[in-house]
Amino acid sequence: MSASPMTTESTVEEREAAYWDKIASELTDDDLRRQTVESGADTQSRLELLGDIKGKKILDIGCGTGLWSVFLAQQGAEVWSVDISPGSVRATERRANVQGLSERVHCSVQSAVELDFPDGFFDAVHGQDIIHHLDPTEFGKEMARVLGPHGCAVFSENCANDPLLMFARNYLCGRFGIPKWSSDDEYPLTRDRRALFVKPFARSEFRYPDFRYWHYLDAKLFQYKVKPINLFCLGMDKFIYTALPFLRQNSYRQMVFAADPVK
């Protein structure tokens, strides 16, 4: 999430914090107890890239309300959960508490590009929808700094590869009754910004674990409420992923993997 020439990074972070504070404040303890990480290709790909995390020190950066922080702790990791939103961090603490994992989930409010951790402290970093909020160069350097020499970073991110999806996002969402799910300061992750993020690492990989395209037509226009349309959109996404693999990069979701930071 790069700032415009007339906007300081701290001002952007303040707006983002306020935006996510509001969302976090709406969650009840029952929500935090009931919500779980969805099974599927995205989750499977994250866990595969992270490797064996039992007993490992994991940074969940941009933790939001802690869904993945708690899930990683349930897999045996010791998790440090960081977010710029105080409300989100409080929600993460509450979620860990109601799930009986407060001793394995350590929460703090911090800027993702100025972390209060020693060099090489973590075995791995996990994040969801966070790279595209930040200056990719500075964020990549900070992730490389806090990771050990053979550490890895795994991010599930949105994706700006498809021009038609970006046109719909820019000109349709937030208008004509079509919901907008993003703050004003963010934009999906482009190839150029992704390349800047992984530059401080010796290895990197980009995956598209499933195809999310028609899925968003259903979500935005029909809210999954019309079963024939829901089945059609699911079927189209599955067909394209299987039969037209060269189109996978046009999915609205992508996985970013970076490992072996160059110190």
C-alpha atoms as a PDB file:
ATOM      1  CA  MET A   1       0.000   0.000   0.000  1.00  0.00           C
ATOM      2  CA  SER A   2       2.214   2.804  -1.231  1.00  0.00           C
ATOM      3  CA  ALA A   3       1.417   6.353  -0.270  1.00  0.00           C
ATOM      4  CA  SER A   4       0.738   9.058  -2.831  1.00  0.00           C
ATOM      5  CA  PRO A   5       3.172  12.016  -2.995  1.00  0.00           C
ATOM      6  CA  MET A   6       0.807  14.053  -0.819  1.00  0.00           C
ATOM      7  CA  THR A   7       0.155  11.287   1.719  1.00  0.00           C
ATOM      8  CA  THR A   8       2.580  10.074   4.386  1.00  0.00           C
ATOM      9  CA  GLU A   9       2.862   6.356   5.144  1.00  0.00           C
ATOM     10  CA  SER A  10       1.806   6.986   8.747  1.00  0.00           C
ATOM     11  CA  THR A  11      -1.413   8.663   7.587  1.00  0.00           C
ATOM     12  CA  VAL A  12      -2.212   5.688   5.351  1.00  0.00           C
ATOM     13  CA  GLU A  13      -1.546   3.300   8.227  1.00  0.00           C
ATOM     14  CA  GLU A  14      -3.860   5.335  10.459  1.00  0.00           C
ATOM     15  CA  ARG A  15      -6.674   5.101   7.911  1.00  0.00           C
ATOM     16  CA  GLU A  16      -6.090   1.383   7.449  1.00  0.00           C
ATOM     17  CA  ALA A  17      -6.078   0.831  11.215  1.00  0.00           C
ATOM     18  CA  ALA A  18      -9.380   2.669  11.594  1.00  0.00           C
ATOM     19  CA  TYR A  19     -10.929   0.689   8.709  1.00  0.00           C
ATOM     20  CA  TRP A  20      -9.975  -2.686  10.185  1.00  0.00           C
ATOM     21  CA  ASP A  21     -10.727  -1.613  13.776  1.00  0.00           C
ATOM     22  CA  LYS A  22     -14.359  -1.170  12.749  1.00  0.00           C
ATOM     23  CA  ILE A  23     -14.541  -4.624  11.172  1.00  0.00           C
ATOM     24  CA  ALA A  24     -12.908  -6.271  14.205  1.00  0.00           C
ATOM     25  CA  SER A  25     -15.274  -4.513  16.631  1.00  0.00           C
ATOM     26  CA  GLU A  26     -18.264  -6.285  15.090  1.00  0.00           C
ATOM     27  CA  LEU A  27     -17.038  -9.782  16.026  1.00  0.00           C
ATOM     28  CA  THR A  28     -18.543 -11.502  19.051  1.00  0.00           C
ATOM     29  CA  ASP A  29     -16.841 -14.177  21.142  1.00  0.00           C
ATOM     30  CA  ASP A  30     -19.222 -16.665  19.550  1.00  0.00           C
ATOM     31  CA  ASP A  31     -17.957 -15.610  16.094  1.00  0.00           C
ATOM     32  CA  LEU A  32     -14.357 -16.057  17.248  1.00  0.00           C
ATOM     33  CA  ARG A  33     -15.136 -19.473  18.671  1.00  0.00           C
ATOM     34  CA  ARG A  34     -17.086 -20.673  15.633  1.00  0.00           C
ATOM     35  CA  GLN A  35     -14.989 -19.404  12.714  1.00  0.00           C
ATOM     36  CA  THR A  36     -12.468 -21.827  11.230  1.00  0.00           C
ATOM     37  CA  VAL A  37      -9.948 -21.825   8.378  1.00  0.00           C
ATOM     38  CA  GLU A  38     -11.593 -23.237   5.272  1.00  0.00           C
ATOM     39  CA  SER A  39     -10.158 -26.416   3.838  1.00  0.00           C
ATOM     40  CA  GLY A  40      -9.257 -26.266   0.170  1.00  0.00           C
ATOM     41  CA  ALA A  41      -6.469 -25.688  -2.315  1.00  0.00           C
ATOM     42  CA  ASP A  42      -5.425 -22.323  -0.858  1.00  0.00           C
ATOM     43  CA  THR A  43      -5.010 -23.699   2.667  1.00  0.00           C
ATOM     44  CA  GLN A  44      -3.287 -26.843   1.408  1.00  0.00           C
ATOM     45  CA  SER A  45      -0.823 -24.783  -0.632  1.00  0.00           C
ATOM     46  CA  ARG A  46       0.038 -22.515   2.318  1.00  0.00           C
ATOM     47  CA  LEU A  47       0.725 -25.465   4.605  1.00  0.00           C
ATOM     48  CA  GLU A  48       2.765 -27.255   1.951  1.00  0.00           C
ATOM     49  CA  LEU A  49       4.961 -24.192   1.393  1.00  0.00           C
ATOM     50  CA  LEU A  50       5.397 -23.555   5.122  1.00  0.00           C
ATOM     51  CA  GLY A  51       6.474 -27.161   5.692  1.00  0.00           C
ATOM     52  CA  ASP A  52       6.593 -28.781   9.116  1.00  0.00           C
ATOM     53  CA  ILE A  53       5.788 -25.963  11.548  1.00  0.00           C
ATOM     54  CA  LYS A  54       5.492 -27.952  14.749  1.00  0.00           C
ATOM     55  CA  GLY A  55       7.610 -26.209  17.381  1.00  0.00           C
ATOM     56  CA  LYS A  56       8.626 -23.487  14.922  1.00  0.00           C
ATOM     57  CA  LYS A  57       8.456 -19.730  15.516  1.00  0.00           C
ATOM     58  CA  ILE A  58       6.006 -18.220  13.044  1.00  0.00           C
ATOM     59  CA  LEU A  59       5.272 -14.545  12.409  1.00  0.00           C
ATOM     60  CA  ASP A  60       1.663 -13.995  11.293  1.00  0.00           C
ATOM     61  CA  ILE A  61       2.059 -10.532   9.800  1.00  0.00           C
ATOM     62  CA  GLY A  62      -1.079  -8.480   9.209  1.00  0.00           C
ATOM     63  CA  CYS A  63      -2.870 -11.057  11.343  1.00  0.00           C
ATOM     64  CA  GLY A  64      -6.291  -9.402  11.137  1.00  0.00           C
ATOM     65  CA  THR A  65      -8.607 -10.964  13.687  1.00  0.00           C
ATOM     66  CA  GLY A  66      -6.319 -13.963  14.176  1.00  0.00           C
ATOM     67  CA  LEU A  67      -8.019 -16.751  12.242  1.00  0.00           C
ATOM     68  CA  TRP A  68      -4.732 -18.034  10.819  1.00  0.00           C
ATOM     69  CA  SER A  69      -2.755 -17.199  13.959  1.00  0.00           C
ATOM     70  CA  VAL A  70      -4.919 -19.599  15.942  1.00  0.00           C
ATOM     71  CA  PHE A  71      -4.939 -22.182  13.151  1.00  0.00           C
ATOM     72  CA  LEU A  72      -1.129 -22.205  12.960  1.00  0.00           C
ATOM     73  CA  ALA A  73      -0.929 -22.534  16.733  1.00  0.00           C
ATOM     74  CA  GLN A  74      -3.307 -25.498  16.497  1.00  0.00           C
ATOM     75  CA  GLN A  75      -0.804 -27.105  14.095  1.00  0.00           C
ATOM     76  CA  GLY A  76       1.871 -26.878  16.794  1.00  0.00           C
ATOM     77  CA  ALA A  77       3.613 -23.585  15.967  1.00  0.00           C
ATOM     78  CA  GLU A  78       4.389 -20.780  18.371  1.00  0.00           C
ATOM     79  CA  VAL A  79       2.911 -17.697  16.746  1.00  0.00           C
ATOM     80  CA  TRP A  80       3.648 -13.986  16.993  1.00  0.00           C
ATOM     81  CA  SER A  81       0.643 -12.054  15.643  1.00  0.00           C
ATOM     82  CA  VAL A  82       1.198  -8.494  14.424  1.00  0.00           C
ATOM     83  CA  ASP A  83      -1.180  -5.953  12.933  1.00  0.00           C
ATOM     84  CA  ILE A  84      -1.386  -2.172  12.574  1.00  0.00           C
ATOM     85  CA  SER A  85      -4.999  -2.267  13.799  1.00  0.00           C
ATOM     86  CA  PRO A  86      -5.340  -2.298  17.625  1.00  0.00           C
ATOM     87  CA  GLY A  87      -8.894  -3.609  17.303  1.00  0.00           C
ATOM     88  CA  SER A  88      -7.714  -6.530  15.180  1.00  0.00           C
ATOM     89  CA  VAL A  89      -4.967  -7.377  17.666  1.00  0.00           C
ATOM     90  CA  ARG A  90      -7.502  -7.354  20.526  1.00  0.00           C
ATOM     91  CA  ALA A  91      -9.743  -9.664  18.477  1.00  0.00           C
ATOM     92  CA  THR A  92      -6.784 -12.006  17.900  1.00  0.00           C
ATOM     93  CA  GLU A  93      -6.112 -12.097  21.649  1.00  0.00           C
ATOM     94  CA  ARG A  94      -9.781 -12.862  22.299  1.00  0.00           C
ATOM     95  CA  ARG A  95      -9.827 -15.581  19.627  1.00  0.00           C
ATOM     96  CA  ALA A  96      -6.712 -17.249  21.080  1.00  0.00           C
ATOM     97  CA  ASN A  97      -8.244 -17.068  24.548  1.00  0.00           C
ATOM     98  CA  VAL A  98     -11.607 -18.615  23.631  1.00  0.00           C
ATOM     99  CA  GLN A  99      -9.732 -21.361  21.738  1.00  0.00           C
ATOM    100  CA  GLY A 100      -7.480 -22.079  24.718  1.00  0.00           C
ATOM    101  CA  LEU A 101      -4.297 -21.064  22.882  1.00  0.00           C
ATOM    102  CA  SER A 102      -3.356 -17.771  24.515  1.00  0.00           C
ATOM    103  CA  GLU A 103       0.029 -19.165  25.664  1.00  0.00           C
ATOM    104  CA  ARG A 104       1.027 -19.983  22.064  1.00  0.00           C
ATOM    105  CA  VAL A 105      -0.194 -16.784  20.374  1.00  0.00           C
ATOM    106  CA  HIS A 106       1.685 -13.560  21.197  1.00  0.00           C
ATOM    107  CA  CYS A 107      -0.043 -10.407  19.950  1.00  0.00           C
ATOM    108  CA  SER A 108       1.219  -6.874  19.383  1.00  0.00           C
ATOM    109  CA  VAL A 109       0.407  -3.699  17.446  1.00  0.00           C
ATOM    110  CA  GLN A 110       3.300  -2.887  15.115  1.00  0.00           C
ATOM    111  CA  SER A 111       4.047  -1.483  11.686  1.00  0.00           C
ATOM    112  CA  ALA A 112       4.909  -4.295   9.275  1.00  0.00           C
ATOM    113  CA  VAL A 113       7.916  -2.380   7.938  1.00  0.00           C
ATOM    114  CA  GLU A 114       9.394  -1.507  11.356  1.00  0.00           C
ATOM    115  CA  LEU A 115       9.128  -4.627  13.483  1.00  0.00           C
ATOM    116  CA  ASP A 116      10.427  -4.878  17.021  1.00  0.00           C
ATOM    117  CA  PHE A 117      12.045  -8.312  16.603  1.00  0.00           C
ATOM    118  CA  PRO A 118      15.737  -9.297  16.401  1.00  0.00           C
ATOM    119  CA  ASP A 119      17.358 -10.256  13.112  1.00  0.00           C
ATOM    120  CA  GLY A 120      16.720 -13.884  12.164  1.00  0.00           C
ATOM    121  CA  PHE A 121      14.176 -14.435  14.946  1.00  0.00           C
ATOM    122  CA  PHE A 122      11.574 -16.403  12.953  1.00  0.00           C
ATOM    123  CA  ASP A 123      11.573 -19.722  11.151  1.00  0.00           C
ATOM    124  CA  ALA A 124       8.748 -18.656   8.838  1.00  0.00           C
ATOM    125  CA  VAL A 125       6.393 -15.801   8.043  1.00  0.00           C
ATOM    126  CA  HIS A 126       2.751 -16.161   7.078  1.00  0.00           C
ATOM    127  CA  GLY A 127       0.422 -13.480   5.788  1.00  0.00           C
ATOM    128  CA  GLN A 128      -2.836 -12.973   3.966  1.00  0.00           C
ATOM    129  CA  ASP A 129      -3.641  -9.937   1.837  1.00  0.00           C
ATOM    130  CA  ILE A 130      -0.833  -7.832   3.289  1.00  0.00           C
ATOM    131  CA  ILE A 131       1.886  -7.294   0.630  1.00  0.00           C
ATOM    132  CA  HIS A 132      -0.415  -5.211  -1.546  1.00  0.00           C
ATOM    133  CA  HIS A 133      -1.032  -2.795   1.350  1.00  0.00           C
ATOM    134  CA  LEU A 134       2.651  -1.884   1.735  1.00  0.00           C
ATOM    135  CA  ASP A 135       5.752  -0.588   0.008  1.00  0.00           C
ATOM    136  CA  PRO A 136       6.959  -3.936  -1.419  1.00  0.00           C
ATOM    137  CA  THR A 137      10.646  -3.038  -1.315  1.00  0.00           C
ATOM    138  CA  GLU A 138      10.664  -1.997   2.335  1.00  0.00           C
ATOM    139  CA  PHE A 139       8.363  -4.848   3.359  1.00  0.00           C
ATOM    140  CA  GLY A 140      10.479  -7.448   1.554  1.00  0.00           C
ATOM    141  CA  LYS A 141      13.629  -6.190   3.276  1.00  0.00           C
ATOM    142  CA  GLU A 142      11.963  -6.333   6.696  1.00  0.00           C
ATOM    143  CA  MET A 143      10.699  -9.880   6.142  1.00  0.00           C
ATOM    144  CA  ALA A 144      14.174 -10.964   5.048  1.00  0.00           C
ATOM    145  CA  ARG A 145      15.657  -9.322   8.153  1.00  0.00           C
ATOM    146  CA  VAL A 146      13.480 -11.096  10.726  1.00  0.00           C
ATOM    147  CA  LEU A 147      13.785 -14.529   9.081  1.00  0.00           C
ATOM    148  CA  GLY A 148      16.543 -17.022   9.785  1.00  0.00           C
ATOM    149  CA  PRO A 149      18.992 -17.938   6.982  1.00  0.00           C
ATOM    150  CA  HIS A 150      16.800 -20.787   5.709  1.00  0.00           C
ATOM    151  CA  GLY A 151      13.465 -19.200   6.622  1.00  0.00           C
ATOM    152  CA  CYS A 152      10.538 -18.770   4.276  1.00  0.00           C
ATOM    153  CA  ALA A 153       7.662 -16.357   3.796  1.00  0.00           C
ATOM    154  CA  VAL A 154       4.271 -17.524   2.493  1.00  0.00           C
ATOM    155  CA  PHE A 155       1.551 -15.077   1.492  1.00  0.00           C
ATOM    156  CA  SER A 156      -1.910 -15.603   0.077  1.00  0.00           C
ATOM    157  CA  GLU A 157      -2.635 -12.446  -1.921  1.00  0.00           C
ATOM    158  CA  ASN A 158      -5.084 -10.919  -4.331  1.00  0.00           C
ATOM    159  CA  CYS A 159      -3.861 -10.561  -7.900  1.00  0.00           C
ATOM    160  CA  ALA A 160      -3.947  -7.756 -10.476  1.00  0.00           C
ATOM    161  CA  ASN A 161      -2.969  -9.900 -13.487  1.00  0.00           C
ATOM    162  CA  ASP A 162      -6.346  -9.891 -15.240  1.00  0.00           C
ATOM    163  CA  PRO A 163      -7.344  -6.585 -16.921  1.00  0.00           C
ATOM    164  CA  LEU A 164     -11.076  -7.380 -16.989  1.00  0.00           C
ATOM    165  CA  LEU A 165     -11.161  -8.085 -13.249  1.00  0.00           C
ATOM    166  CA  MET A 166      -9.233  -4.870 -12.606  1.00  0.00           C
ATOM    167  CA  PHE A 167     -11.683  -2.889 -14.770  1.00  0.00           C
ATOM    168  CA  ALA A 168     -14.594  -4.308 -12.757  1.00  0.00           C
ATOM    169  CA  ARG A 169     -12.813  -3.527  -9.497  1.00  0.00           C
ATOM    170  CA  ASN A 170     -11.994   0.041 -10.518  1.00  0.00           C
ATOM    171  CA  TYR A 171     -15.258   1.073 -12.164  1.00  0.00           C
ATOM    172  CA  LEU A 172     -18.056  -1.225 -10.960  1.00  0.00           C
ATOM    173  CA  CYS A 173     -17.405  -2.173  -7.335  1.00  0.00           C
ATOM    174  CA  GLY A 174     -18.929   0.381  -4.996  1.00  0.00           C
ATOM    175  CA  ARG A 175     -21.410   1.435  -7.699  1.00  0.00           C
ATOM    176  CA  PHE A 176     -24.708   0.112  -9.081  1.00  0.00           C
ATOM    177  CA  GLY A 177     -25.350  -1.797  -5.853  1.00  0.00           C
ATOM    178  CA  ILE A 178     -22.179  -3.896  -6.294  1.00  0.00           C
ATOM    179  CA  PRO A 179     -20.347  -4.164  -2.950  1.00  0.00           C
ATOM    180  CA  LYS A 180     -16.787  -2.954  -2.441  1.00  0.00           C
ATOM    181  CA  TRP A 181     -14.662  -5.061  -0.080  1.00  0.00           C
ATOM    182  CA  SER A 182     -11.480  -2.991   0.028  1.00  0.00           C
ATOM    183  CA  SER A 183     -10.265   0.227   1.596  1.00  0.00           C
ATOM    184  CA  ASP A 184      -9.459   3.261  -0.544  1.00  0.00           C
ATOM    185  CA  ASP A 185      -5.698   2.890   0.038  1.00  0.00           C
ATOM    186  CA  GLU A 186      -5.192  -0.598  -1.368  1.00  0.00           C
ATOM    187  CA  TYR A 187      -4.825  -2.115  -4.837  1.00  0.00           C
ATOM    188  CA  PRO A 188      -4.357  -5.784  -5.804  1.00  0.00           C
ATOM    189  CA  LEU A 189      -0.793  -7.066  -6.057  1.00  0.00           C
ATOM    190  CA  THR A 190       0.821  -6.505  -9.457  1.00  0.00           C
ATOM    191  CA  ARG A 191       3.665  -8.534 -10.986  1.00  0.00           C
ATOM    192  CA  ASP A 192       6.049  -5.579 -10.683  1.00  0.00           C
ATOM    193  CA  ARG A 193       5.382  -5.035  -6.980  1.00  0.00           C
ATOM    194  CA  ARG A 194       5.542  -8.773  -6.335  1.00  0.00           C
ATOM    195  CA  ALA A 195       9.013  -8.875  -7.935  1.00  0.00           C
ATOM    196  CA  LEU A 196      10.182  -6.045  -5.677  1.00  0.00           C
ATOM    197  CA  PHE A 197       8.981  -7.908  -2.590  1.00  0.00           C
ATOM    198  CA  VAL A 198      10.902 -11.136  -3.352  1.00  0.00           C
ATOM    199  CA  LYS A 199      14.135  -9.394  -4.408  1.00  0.00           C
ATOM    200  CA  PRO A 200      15.882  -9.859  -1.000  1.00  0.00           C
ATOM    201  CA  PHE A 201      15.406 -13.653  -1.222  1.00  0.00           C
ATOM    202  CA  ALA A 202      17.455 -16.302  -3.024  1.00  0.00           C
ATOM    203  CA  ARG A 203      14.372 -18.346  -3.950  1.00  0.00           C
ATOM    204  CA  SER A 204      10.839 -17.379  -4.898  1.00  0.00           C
ATOM    205  CA  GLU A 205       7.787 -19.009  -6.423  1.00  0.00           C
ATOM    206  CA  PHE A 206       4.309 -17.880  -7.442  1.00  0.00           C
ATOM    207  CA  ARG A 207       1.390 -20.266  -7.433  1.00  0.00           C
ATOM    208  CA  TYR A 208      -2.284 -20.185  -8.336  1.00  0.00           C
ATOM    209  CA  PRO A 209      -3.729 -23.007  -6.206  1.00  0.00           C
ATOM    210  CA  ASP A 210      -7.216 -22.601  -7.633  1.00  0.00           C
ATOM    211  CA  PHE A 211      -8.988 -20.403 -10.149  1.00  0.00           C
ATOM    212  CA  ARG A 212     -11.040 -17.580  -8.613  1.00  0.00           C
ATOM    213  CA  TYR A 213     -12.779 -15.630 -11.343  1.00  0.00           C
ATOM    214  CA  TRP A 214     -16.432 -16.494 -11.926  1.00  0.00           C
ATOM    215  CA  HIS A 215     -16.554 -16.981  -8.162  1.00  0.00           C
ATOM    216  CA  TYR A 216     -16.484 -13.195  -7.750  1.00  0.00           C
ATOM    217  CA  LEU A 217     -19.267 -12.611 -10.255  1.00  0.00           C
ATOM    218  CA  ASP A 218     -21.445 -14.848  -8.092  1.00  0.00           C
ATOM    219  CA  ALA A 219     -20.260 -13.207  -4.862  1.00  0.00           C
ATOM    220  CA  LYS A 220     -20.690  -9.607  -6.001  1.00  0.00           C
ATOM    221  CA  LEU A 221     -23.929  -9.864  -7.950  1.00  0.00           C
ATOM    222  CA  PHE A 222     -25.790 -12.764  -6.360  1.00  0.00           C
ATOM    223  CA  GLN A 223     -24.168 -13.312  -2.931  1.00  0.00           C
ATOM    224  CA  TYR A 224     -24.200 -17.097  -3.620  1.00  0.00           C
ATOM    225  CA  LYS A 225     -28.000 -17.055  -3.167  1.00  0.00           C
ATOM    226  CA  VAL A 226     -29.035 -18.396  -6.604  1.00  0.00           C
ATOM    227  CA  LYS A 227     -28.072 -22.064  -6.667  1.00  0.00           C
ATOM    228  CA  PRO A 228     -28.006 -22.583 -10.475  1.00  0.00           C
ATOM    229  CA  ILE A 229     -25.739 -19.544 -10.876  1.00  0.00           C
ATOM    230  CA  ASN A 230     -23.592 -20.704  -7.958  1.00  0.00           C
ATOM    231  CA  LEU A 231     -23.121 -24.136  -9.536  1.00  0.00           C
ATOM    232  CA  PHE A 232     -22.426 -22.609 -12.958  1.00  0.00           C
ATOM    233  CA  CYS A 233     -19.741 -20.250 -11.616  1.00  0.00           C
ATOM    234  CA  LEU A 234     -18.074 -22.987  -9.570  1.00  0.00           C
ATOM    235  CA  GLY A 235     -18.118 -25.251 -12.609  1.00  0.00           C
ATOM    236  CA  MET A 236     -16.600 -22.599 -14.878  1.00  0.00           C
ATOM    237  CA  ASP A 237     -13.744 -21.921 -12.461  1.00  0.00           C
ATOM    238  CA  LYS A 238     -12.988 -25.632 -12.077  1.00  0.00           C
ATOM    239  CA  PHE A 239     -13.160 -26.210 -15.835  1.00  0.00           C
ATOM    240  CA  ILE A 240     -10.765 -23.344 -16.614  1.00  0.00           C
ATOM    241  CA  TYR A 241      -8.302 -24.438 -13.918  1.00  0.00           C
ATOM    242  CA  THR A 242      -8.221 -28.010 -15.266  1.00  0.00           C
ATOM    243  CA  ALA A 243      -8.632 -27.549 -19.011  1.00  0.00           C
ATOM    244  CA  LEU A 244      -6.925 -24.186 -19.560  1.00  0.00           C
ATOM    245  CA  PRO A 245      -3.946 -24.103 -17.174  1.00  0.00           C
ATOM    246  CA  PHE A 246      -2.352 -21.142 -19.014  1.00  0.00           C
ATOM    247  CA  LEU A 247      -5.226 -19.010 -17.673  1.00  0.00           C
ATOM    248  CA  ARG A 248      -4.542 -19.840 -14.023  1.00  0.00           C
ATOM    249  CA  GLN A 249      -2.413 -16.702 -13.705  1.00  0.00           C
ATOM    250  CA  ASN A 250      -5.578 -14.665 -14.358  1.00  0.00           C
ATOM    251  CA  SER A 251      -7.096 -15.833 -11.081  1.00  0.00           C
ATOM    252  CA  TYR A 252      -7.874 -13.129  -8.539  1.00  0.00           C
ATOM    253  CA  ARG A 253      -5.937 -15.121  -5.924  1.00  0.00           C
ATOM    254  CA  GLN A 254      -2.242 -16.021  -5.905  1.00  0.00           C
ATOM    255  CA  MET A 255       0.353 -17.503  -3.559  1.00  0.00           C
ATOM    256  CA  VAL A 256       3.680 -15.725  -3.062  1.00  0.00           C
ATOM    257  CA  PHE A 257       6.578 -17.789  -1.687  1.00  0.00           C
ATOM    258  CA  ALA A 258      10.030 -16.417  -0.838  1.00  0.00           C
ATOM    259  CA  ALA A 259      12.835 -18.258   0.962  1.00  0.00           C
ATOM    260  CA  ASP A 260      16.488 -18.113   1.967  1.00  0.00           C
ATOM    261  CA  PRO A 261      16.885 -14.390   2.642  1.00  0.00           C
ATOM    262  CA  VAL A 262      20.066 -12.820   1.332  1.00  0.00           C
ATOM    263  CA  LYS A 263      21.591 -11.086   4.346  1.00  0.00           C
END
